[in-house]
Amino acid sequence: MTGAAHRAIGGRAHGEVWARLATERAVATAALAAVALHVVDDAFLQPEPGTSPADHVFGGLVPAALLAAAAVAWPRVRPGTRATWALLAGYFGVLTGSEAAYYARHGGPAGDDFTGMLAALGGVVLLVVGAVTLWRYRRTDDPLLLRFVRRLAIAAGALVLAAVVLFPTAVAYVVTHTARAEVPTATLGAAHEDVAFTTSDGLRLEGWFVPSRNSATVIAFPGRSGPRKHARMLARHGYGVLLFDRRGEGASEGDPNALGWHGDRDLAAAVDYLRGRPDVDPDRIGALGLSVGGEMAIHAAAGSDRLKAIVSEGASGQSVRDGIANGGLLHGLLDTGFVTVATALFADDLPPPSLKSEAPRIAPGAVFFVYGENGQGGTETKPNRGFYAAAREPKRIWEVPEGQHIAGITTRPAEYERRVIGFFDEHLRPER
């Protein structure tokens, strides 16, 4: 074969490679643009009611910048790197689209849900691009054993990446972008009023208020769904009860954060509202918080003496700060380190202080720590005993025998009612 023929064949092969790369780049760039469009739309063009683009600077700019950089650098990097970028961006695209899917199922698509669906489609395309690129450019000239070992190492690395980075990222995105969308039925066992109040950072929160018959009032939270059984219990004993949608949930404005970071702002606004009502004794306001609500109650009571008594049920931790305080540096970093970093990025916020450091500041307010013996796989015991040890009097603690997470009211209903109502009676009822 002549040299000219060799050059012609080589030129055609080279041209085919560049044609494939150009096609791959065009498809990947379009898909990356679809994901980036939703990021920008969600953070800056159509932010949640009550928020502004300034509230999402890092959460919007960082992902958008990374997606743009991947598109620009695409033709300059090796196939393995392109495939990795495509798979990671595809995962993120599908993840961002989960928000749109959730809200579309609960009330129909609206606002940025449409670009969210486009982002999910772009994510699927990127996952396909990544898989095809890995297959097309796989090495086949090495010995079979070497290929097997290399691919086994890649698979192991992918599993580690999924456990350490991808799953925590998904958790962080979901807790900062989705919350209960509907307002539940008000089955409170007593007449109630629809109420609304405004937080210190300008968010309108909506809820229900059951007037008091004994001059004392308890805020039951989080939300208006989970605490309804507790509200009925309190109302039976004459307590006024306030339930409300926290920020980003139900009918309330703001960005959601299911970890409850700085949810004490919502509780502070609720206390302000109650203290402004002529039918509420401002010196007889308490709180009953479940799970993250119990954590929010600890922060709120530590930051103000206006809550005279709190019940914190099922609290454990909200960030790496709690992980370190409860289990040491290594445990905290491995258990909650990346979730905290990702949540801080998506929420444009830093985590609150550890609950253990807040517990001593609750006094002179009274605190009652409640947790299930089997709550969250038995992991509630150590944190709550630590909170109790750190707190100052007046304080109580109760481990619900055989109890699951925030299930005291159903596991031991009579004892739960006796203990919780007895605690509030002691610290909120008028002196006889």
Protein backbone atom coordinates (compact mmCIF):
# COMPACT_ATOMS: atom_id res chain seq x y z
CA MET A 1 0.00 0.00 0.00
CA THR A 2 1.38 3.39 -0.93
CA GLY A 3 2.15 6.17 1.54
CA ALA A 4 -0.64 8.22 0.03
CA ALA A 5 -3.13 5.43 0.78
CA HIS A 6 -1.90 5.20 4.37
CA ARG A 7 -2.33 8.95 4.77
CA ALA A 8 -5.83 8.79 3.26
CA ILE A 9 -6.92 6.00 5.63
CA GLY A 10 -5.35 7.78 8.60
CA GLY A 11 -7.04 11.02 7.63
CA ARG A 12 -10.44 9.35 7.44
CA ALA A 13 -9.96 7.71 10.85
CA HIS A 14 -8.83 11.00 12.36
CA GLY A 15 -11.83 12.73 10.83
CA GLU A 16 -14.19 10.10 12.25
CA VAL A 17 -12.75 10.61 15.74
CA TRP A 18 -13.24 14.37 15.53
CA ALA A 19 -16.75 13.92 14.14
CA ARG A 20 -17.67 11.67 17.07
CA LEU A 21 -16.15 14.13 19.53
CA ALA A 22 -18.00 17.04 17.93
CA THR A 23 -21.30 15.16 18.16
CA GLU A 24 -20.62 14.09 21.74
CA ARG A 25 -19.66 17.64 22.67
CA ALA A 26 -22.79 19.11 21.08
CA VAL A 27 -25.08 16.69 22.90
CA ALA A 28 -23.25 17.11 26.22
CA THR A 29 -23.19 20.91 25.94
CA ALA A 30 -26.93 21.04 25.30
CA ALA A 31 -27.61 18.77 28.26
CA LEU A 32 -25.26 20.74 30.53
CA ALA A 33 -27.03 23.94 29.45
CA ALA A 34 -30.40 22.43 30.37
CA VAL A 35 -29.18 21.63 33.88
CA ALA A 36 -27.52 25.03 34.28
CA LEU A 37 -30.69 26.78 33.10
CA HIS A 38 -32.68 25.24 35.94
CA VAL A 39 -30.00 26.13 38.49
CA VAL A 40 -30.14 29.78 37.39
CA ASP A 41 -33.94 29.77 37.16
CA ASP A 42 -34.35 28.26 40.62
CA ALA A 43 -31.79 30.49 42.34
CA PHE A 44 -32.11 33.82 40.56
CA LEU A 45 -35.04 34.09 38.13
CA GLN A 46 -37.85 32.47 40.13
CA PRO A 47 -36.73 32.16 43.77
CA GLU A 48 -39.15 31.03 46.46
CA PRO A 49 -41.71 33.61 47.66
CA GLY A 50 -40.21 35.89 50.27
CA THR A 51 -36.64 35.34 49.07
CA SER A 52 -34.42 37.14 46.55
CA PRO A 53 -31.49 36.23 44.27
CA ALA A 54 -29.16 37.57 46.97
CA ASP A 55 -30.23 34.67 49.19
CA HIS A 56 -28.85 32.10 46.72
CA VAL A 57 -25.52 33.51 45.56
CA PHE A 58 -23.31 30.51 46.32
CA GLY A 59 -26.02 27.89 45.85
CA GLY A 60 -26.69 29.23 42.35
CA LEU A 61 -23.32 30.47 41.10
CA VAL A 62 -21.13 27.54 42.15
CA PRO A 63 -23.10 24.74 40.38
CA ALA A 64 -23.74 26.96 37.33
CA ALA A 65 -20.04 27.86 37.07
CA LEU A 66 -18.98 24.21 37.32
CA LEU A 67 -21.41 23.18 34.59
CA ALA A 68 -20.24 26.03 32.33
CA ALA A 69 -16.58 25.15 32.91
CA ALA A 70 -17.27 21.52 31.96
CA ALA A 71 -18.88 22.61 28.69
CA VAL A 72 -15.97 24.91 27.78
CA ALA A 73 -13.24 22.41 28.65
CA TRP A 74 -15.02 19.39 27.14
CA PRO A 75 -12.94 18.98 23.92
CA ARG A 76 -9.65 19.53 25.76
CA VAL A 77 -9.79 16.64 28.21
CA ARG A 78 -9.37 12.90 27.92
CA PRO A 79 -12.33 10.58 27.28
CA GLY A 80 -12.23 9.17 30.82
CA THR A 81 -12.47 12.67 32.29
CA ARG A 82 -15.32 13.59 29.94
CA ALA A 83 -17.20 10.46 30.92
CA THR A 84 -16.72 11.22 34.63
CA TRP A 85 -17.94 14.79 34.18
CA ALA A 86 -20.96 13.59 32.22
CA LEU A 87 -21.92 11.03 34.86
CA LEU A 88 -21.55 13.50 37.74
CA ALA A 89 -23.42 16.27 35.95
CA GLY A 90 -26.09 13.79 34.88
CA TYR A 91 -26.57 12.68 38.47
CA PHE A 92 -26.92 16.31 39.54
CA GLY A 93 -29.35 17.04 36.71
CA VAL A 94 -31.63 14.17 37.70
CA LEU A 95 -31.32 15.26 41.33
CA THR A 96 -32.39 18.83 40.58
CA GLY A 97 -35.28 17.49 38.55
CA SER A 98 -36.54 15.53 41.56
CA GLU A 99 -37.70 18.81 43.09
CA ALA A 100 -39.88 19.53 40.05
CA ALA A 101 -41.27 15.98 40.09
CA TYR A 102 -42.18 16.28 43.78
CA TYR A 103 -44.03 19.57 43.48
CA ALA A 104 -45.67 18.54 40.20
CA ARG A 105 -47.22 15.60 42.07
CA HIS A 106 -48.39 17.91 44.85
CA GLY A 107 -50.38 20.68 43.21
CA GLY A 108 -49.19 20.52 39.61
CA PRO A 109 -46.10 22.02 37.95
CA ALA A 110 -45.51 25.76 38.29
CA GLY A 111 -42.70 28.28 38.20
CA ASP A 112 -39.28 26.70 37.85
CA ASP A 113 -40.73 23.17 37.77
CA PHE A 114 -40.71 23.32 33.97
CA THR A 115 -36.98 24.00 33.75
CA GLY A 116 -36.58 21.35 36.47
CA MET A 117 -38.15 18.76 34.18
CA LEU A 118 -35.83 19.91 31.40
CA ALA A 119 -32.86 19.53 33.78
CA ALA A 120 -33.93 15.98 34.59
CA LEU A 121 -34.04 15.15 30.88
CA GLY A 122 -30.61 16.74 30.44
CA GLY A 123 -29.36 14.64 33.34
CA VAL A 124 -30.53 11.43 31.73
CA VAL A 125 -28.84 12.43 28.45
CA LEU A 126 -25.58 13.12 30.30
CA LEU A 127 -25.73 9.76 32.04
CA VAL A 128 -26.09 8.09 28.63
CA VAL A 129 -23.24 10.18 27.20
CA GLY A 130 -21.01 9.19 30.12
CA ALA A 131 -21.80 5.50 29.79
CA VAL A 132 -21.33 5.49 25.99
CA THR A 133 -18.04 7.39 26.27
CA LEU A 134 -16.69 4.92 28.82
CA TRP A 135 -17.65 2.01 26.59
CA ARG A 136 -16.41 3.54 23.34
CA TYR A 137 -12.99 4.48 24.69
CA ARG A 138 -12.42 1.49 26.95
CA ARG A 139 -8.97 -0.06 26.70
CA THR A 140 -8.92 -3.48 25.06
CA ASP A 141 -5.21 -3.89 24.30
CA ASP A 142 -4.14 -4.82 27.84
CA PRO A 143 -4.05 -8.38 29.24
CA LEU A 144 -7.43 -9.61 30.43
CA LEU A 145 -6.34 -9.82 34.08
CA LEU A 146 -5.07 -6.23 34.07
CA ARG A 147 -8.34 -5.00 32.55
CA PHE A 148 -10.30 -6.90 35.18
CA VAL A 149 -8.27 -5.42 38.05
CA ARG A 150 -8.48 -1.90 36.62
CA ARG A 151 -12.26 -2.07 36.16
CA LEU A 152 -12.70 -3.57 39.61
CA ALA A 153 -10.73 -0.67 41.08
CA ILE A 154 -12.86 1.82 39.14
CA ALA A 155 -16.04 0.17 40.41
CA ALA A 156 -14.77 0.28 44.00
CA GLY A 157 -13.86 3.93 43.59
CA ALA A 158 -17.32 4.66 42.21
CA LEU A 159 -18.95 3.02 45.24
CA VAL A 160 -16.81 5.08 47.61
CA LEU A 161 -17.66 8.25 45.66
CA ALA A 162 -21.36 7.42 45.85
CA ALA A 163 -21.24 6.83 49.60
CA VAL A 164 -19.02 9.78 50.53
CA VAL A 165 -20.15 12.44 48.02
CA LEU A 166 -23.16 11.57 45.87
CA PHE A 167 -25.58 10.31 48.54
CA PRO A 168 -24.79 13.16 50.97
CA THR A 169 -25.22 15.64 48.11
CA ALA A 170 -28.64 14.18 47.34
CA VAL A 171 -29.66 14.42 51.00
CA ALA A 172 -28.49 18.04 51.19
CA TYR A 173 -30.30 19.02 47.99
CA VAL A 174 -33.57 17.40 49.03
CA VAL A 175 -33.61 18.93 52.53
CA THR A 176 -32.95 22.40 51.12
CA HIS A 177 -35.32 22.26 48.13
CA THR A 178 -38.38 20.20 49.04
CA ALA A 179 -40.89 20.38 51.88
CA ARG A 180 -44.50 19.45 52.51
CA ALA A 181 -46.49 21.31 49.87
CA GLU A 182 -50.04 21.02 51.19
CA VAL A 183 -51.80 22.37 54.25
CA PRO A 184 -53.32 19.38 56.11
CA THR A 185 -56.80 19.15 57.58
CA ALA A 186 -57.09 20.93 60.92
CA THR A 187 -58.14 17.99 63.11
CA LEU A 188 -57.22 19.65 66.39
CA GLY A 189 -60.09 18.64 68.63
CA ALA A 190 -60.95 22.28 69.36
CA ALA A 191 -61.94 25.46 67.56
CA HIS A 192 -59.04 27.28 65.97
CA GLU A 193 -58.16 30.49 64.14
CA ASP A 194 -56.13 30.87 60.96
CA VAL A 195 -53.18 33.10 61.83
CA ALA A 196 -50.12 34.61 60.16
CA PHE A 197 -47.01 36.41 61.38
CA THR A 198 -43.70 37.68 59.98
CA THR A 199 -40.15 36.64 60.82
CA SER A 200 -37.26 39.01 61.50
CA ASP A 201 -35.98 38.37 57.95
CA GLY A 202 -39.32 39.27 56.37
CA LEU A 203 -41.00 35.90 55.72
CA ARG A 204 -44.74 35.43 56.18
CA LEU A 205 -45.57 32.24 58.07
CA GLU A 206 -49.08 30.84 58.35
CA GLY A 207 -50.64 28.56 60.94
CA TRP A 208 -53.46 27.74 63.35
CA PHE A 209 -54.12 28.94 66.89
CA VAL A 210 -56.28 27.19 69.48
CA PRO A 211 -57.13 29.72 72.26
CA SER A 212 -56.08 28.88 75.80
CA ARG A 213 -58.45 27.97 78.64
CA ASN A 214 -55.80 27.92 81.39
CA SER A 215 -53.79 31.07 80.54
CA ALA A 216 -50.85 29.05 79.15
CA THR A 217 -49.90 28.46 75.50
CA VAL A 218 -47.63 25.88 73.84
CA ILE A 219 -46.13 26.04 70.33
CA ALA A 220 -46.23 22.53 68.83
CA PHE A 221 -44.01 21.96 65.79
CA PRO A 222 -42.55 21.50 63.21
CA GLY A 223 -45.33 22.10 60.72
CA ARG A 224 -49.05 21.58 60.96
CA SER A 225 -49.15 17.86 60.16
CA GLY A 226 -46.99 15.89 62.59
CA PRO A 227 -47.93 17.68 65.86
CA ARG A 228 -51.73 17.46 65.46
CA LYS A 229 -52.06 14.56 67.91
CA HIS A 230 -49.94 16.47 70.43
CA ALA A 231 -52.06 19.58 69.84
CA ARG A 232 -55.22 17.63 70.66
CA MET A 233 -53.59 16.37 73.86
CA LEU A 234 -52.61 19.89 74.93
CA ALA A 235 -56.00 21.34 74.04
CA ARG A 236 -57.77 18.70 76.14
CA HIS A 237 -55.93 20.04 79.16
CA GLY A 238 -56.84 23.65 78.44
CA TYR A 239 -53.59 24.78 76.84
CA GLY A 240 -53.58 27.20 73.97
CA VAL A 241 -51.76 25.71 70.98
CA LEU A 242 -50.01 27.35 68.03
CA LEU A 243 -49.07 25.24 65.00
CA PHE A 244 -47.51 26.79 61.91
CA ASP A 245 -45.81 25.95 58.64
CA ARG A 246 -42.10 26.64 58.96
CA ARG A 247 -40.37 28.56 56.21
CA GLY A 248 -40.61 26.98 52.77
CA GLU A 249 -43.37 24.61 53.86
CA GLY A 250 -47.11 24.54 53.21
CA ALA A 251 -48.48 28.08 52.98
CA SER A 252 -45.38 29.79 54.41
CA GLU A 253 -42.79 31.75 52.46
CA GLY A 254 -39.07 31.11 52.24
CA ASP A 255 -36.59 28.39 51.33
CA PRO A 256 -37.07 25.06 53.10
CA ASN A 257 -34.40 23.50 55.27
CA ALA A 258 -35.54 20.20 56.74
CA LEU A 259 -32.48 20.15 59.01
CA GLY A 260 -33.91 23.19 60.77
CA TRP A 261 -30.85 25.41 60.48
CA HIS A 262 -31.73 28.71 62.15
CA GLY A 263 -35.34 27.63 62.52
CA ASP A 264 -35.19 29.47 65.83
CA ARG A 265 -36.00 32.58 63.76
CA ASP A 266 -39.39 31.05 62.97
CA LEU A 267 -39.94 30.20 66.64
CA ALA A 268 -38.91 33.69 67.70
CA ALA A 269 -41.52 35.12 65.32
CA ALA A 270 -44.12 32.73 66.74
CA VAL A 271 -43.33 33.87 70.29
CA ASP A 272 -43.54 37.53 69.17
CA TYR A 273 -46.95 36.82 67.70
CA LEU A 274 -48.23 35.14 70.86
CA ARG A 275 -46.89 37.88 73.12
CA GLY A 276 -48.78 40.41 71.01
CA ARG A 277 -52.13 38.71 71.57
CA PRO A 278 -54.22 40.12 74.43
CA ASP A 279 -55.50 36.63 75.31
CA VAL A 280 -52.01 35.14 75.84
CA ASP A 281 -50.02 35.45 79.06
CA PRO A 282 -46.51 36.36 77.84
CA ASP A 283 -44.94 34.70 80.87
CA ARG A 284 -46.61 31.33 80.21
CA ILE A 285 -45.43 30.36 76.72
CA GLY A 286 -43.79 26.99 76.08
CA ALA A 287 -42.89 24.73 73.16
CA LEU A 288 -43.14 21.06 72.25
CA GLY A 289 -40.78 20.14 69.41
CA LEU A 290 -40.61 16.81 67.60
CA SER A 291 -37.41 15.59 65.94
CA VAL A 292 -35.94 18.62 64.15
CA GLY A 293 -38.57 20.63 66.02
CA GLY A 294 -36.95 19.54 69.27
CA GLU A 295 -33.62 20.77 67.96
CA MET A 296 -35.14 24.09 66.93
CA ALA A 297 -36.68 24.40 70.40
CA ILE A 298 -33.29 23.97 72.07
CA HIS A 299 -31.78 26.75 69.96
CA ALA A 300 -34.76 29.05 70.49
CA ALA A 301 -34.81 28.55 74.26
CA ALA A 302 -31.04 29.02 74.46
CA GLY A 303 -31.27 32.31 72.60
CA SER A 304 -34.12 33.85 74.61
CA ASP A 305 -35.74 33.57 78.02
CA ARG A 306 -39.23 34.07 76.58
CA LEU A 307 -39.89 30.33 76.31
CA LYS A 308 -40.47 29.27 79.89
CA ALA A 309 -40.55 25.51 79.28
CA ILE A 310 -39.74 23.26 76.32
CA VAL A 311 -40.19 19.57 75.55
CA SER A 312 -37.60 18.35 73.04
CA GLU A 313 -38.48 14.91 71.69
CA GLY A 314 -36.21 12.95 69.39
CA ALA A 315 -33.48 15.57 69.00
CA SER A 316 -30.01 14.37 68.01
CA GLY A 317 -28.11 16.67 65.65
CA GLN A 318 -28.27 18.98 62.64
CA SER A 319 -24.72 19.18 61.30
CA VAL A 320 -21.09 18.15 61.64
CA ARG A 321 -20.90 20.36 64.73
CA ASP A 322 -23.31 18.04 66.51
CA GLY A 323 -21.56 14.96 65.13
CA ILE A 324 -18.28 16.13 66.65
CA ALA A 325 -19.89 17.19 69.94
CA ASN A 326 -21.75 13.88 70.27
CA GLY A 327 -19.18 11.41 68.97
CA GLY A 328 -15.79 13.03 68.45
CA LEU A 329 -13.94 14.59 65.50
CA LEU A 330 -13.55 11.51 63.29
CA HIS A 331 -17.13 10.33 63.83
CA GLY A 332 -18.51 13.77 63.12
CA LEU A 333 -16.54 14.25 59.92
CA LEU A 334 -17.33 10.80 58.53
CA ASP A 335 -20.98 10.82 59.56
CA THR A 336 -22.13 14.32 58.66
CA GLY A 337 -19.17 16.21 57.22
CA PHE A 338 -20.07 16.23 53.54
CA VAL A 339 -23.82 16.58 54.16
CA THR A 340 -23.04 19.73 56.15
CA VAL A 341 -20.78 21.15 53.43
CA ALA A 342 -23.33 20.47 50.68
CA THR A 343 -26.20 21.84 52.78
CA ALA A 344 -24.23 24.99 53.51
CA LEU A 345 -23.70 25.46 49.76
CA PHE A 346 -27.29 24.84 48.71
CA ALA A 347 -28.74 26.86 51.61
CA ASP A 348 -26.24 29.74 51.43
CA ASP A 349 -26.00 29.42 55.19
CA LEU A 350 -23.80 28.07 57.95
CA PRO A 351 -24.98 25.50 60.50
CA PRO A 352 -26.07 26.59 63.98
CA PRO A 353 -24.00 25.84 67.10
CA SER A 354 -24.05 22.31 68.45
CA LEU A 355 -27.10 21.42 70.53
CA LYS A 356 -24.89 20.26 73.37
CA SER A 357 -23.30 23.72 73.60
CA GLU A 358 -26.75 25.31 73.61
CA ALA A 359 -28.25 23.11 76.35
CA PRO A 360 -26.72 25.01 79.34
CA ARG A 361 -28.16 28.29 78.02
CA ILE A 362 -31.78 27.10 78.24
CA ALA A 363 -31.90 27.87 81.97
CA PRO A 364 -33.65 29.52 83.73
CA GLY A 365 -36.22 28.02 81.33
CA ALA A 366 -37.18 24.41 82.01
CA VAL A 367 -36.35 21.60 79.57
CA PHE A 368 -37.64 18.03 79.22
CA PHE A 369 -35.64 15.72 76.92
CA VAL A 370 -37.67 12.78 75.56
CA TYR A 371 -36.32 10.08 73.26
CA GLY A 372 -37.15 6.54 72.20
CA GLU A 373 -35.15 3.55 73.38
CA ASN A 374 -34.98 2.44 69.72
CA GLY A 375 -35.21 5.91 68.19
CA GLN A 376 -33.28 6.14 64.91
CA GLY A 377 -31.75 2.74 65.52
CA GLY A 378 -30.89 3.54 69.12
CA THR A 379 -28.74 6.53 68.20
CA GLU A 380 -30.85 9.04 70.16
CA THR A 381 -29.67 7.80 73.56
CA LYS A 382 -26.14 9.21 73.65
CA PRO A 383 -26.99 12.71 72.34
CA ASN A 384 -29.95 13.19 74.68
CA ARG A 385 -28.04 12.01 77.72
CA GLY A 386 -25.33 14.45 76.71
CA PHE A 387 -27.84 17.29 76.36
CA TYR A 388 -29.30 16.46 79.77
CA ALA A 389 -25.87 16.34 81.42
CA ALA A 390 -24.95 19.71 79.91
CA ALA A 391 -28.26 21.42 80.74
CA ARG A 392 -28.86 23.20 84.03
CA GLU A 393 -31.87 22.87 86.31
CA PRO A 394 -34.82 22.74 85.95
CA LYS A 395 -34.53 19.72 83.66
CA ARG A 396 -35.99 16.26 83.10
CA ILE A 397 -35.25 13.31 80.83
CA TRP A 398 -37.25 10.23 79.81
CA GLU A 399 -36.30 7.29 77.63
CA VAL A 400 -39.51 5.85 76.19
CA PRO A 401 -39.21 2.06 76.66
CA GLU A 402 -39.23 0.26 73.28
CA GLY A 403 -40.04 3.61 71.68
CA GLN A 404 -39.18 4.54 68.12
CA HIS A 405 -38.40 8.05 66.84
CA ILE A 406 -40.93 10.62 68.19
CA ALA A 407 -43.38 7.80 68.95
CA GLY A 408 -43.80 8.36 72.68
CA ILE A 409 -47.40 9.50 72.29
CA THR A 410 -48.34 6.25 70.54
CA THR A 411 -45.98 3.83 72.32
CA ARG A 412 -46.89 4.84 75.87
CA PRO A 413 -49.85 7.21 75.37
CA ALA A 414 -51.06 7.43 78.98
CA GLU A 415 -47.59 7.81 80.46
CA TYR A 416 -46.57 10.26 77.76
CA GLU A 417 -49.58 12.45 78.45
CA ARG A 418 -49.03 12.29 82.21
CA ARG A 419 -45.37 13.20 81.96
CA VAL A 420 -45.62 15.94 79.32
CA ILE A 421 -48.73 17.61 80.73
CA GLY A 422 -47.30 17.31 84.24
CA PHE A 423 -44.14 19.10 83.07
CA PHE A 424 -46.08 21.95 81.46
CA ASP A 425 -48.44 22.16 84.44
CA GLU A 426 -45.48 22.62 86.75
CA HIS A 427 -43.79 25.34 84.71
CA LEU A 428 -46.55 27.13 82.79
CA ARG A 429 -49.71 26.97 84.88
CA PRO A 430 -50.51 29.83 87.27
CA GLU A 431 -49.32 29.35 90.81
CA ARG A 432 -52.09 28.26 93.10
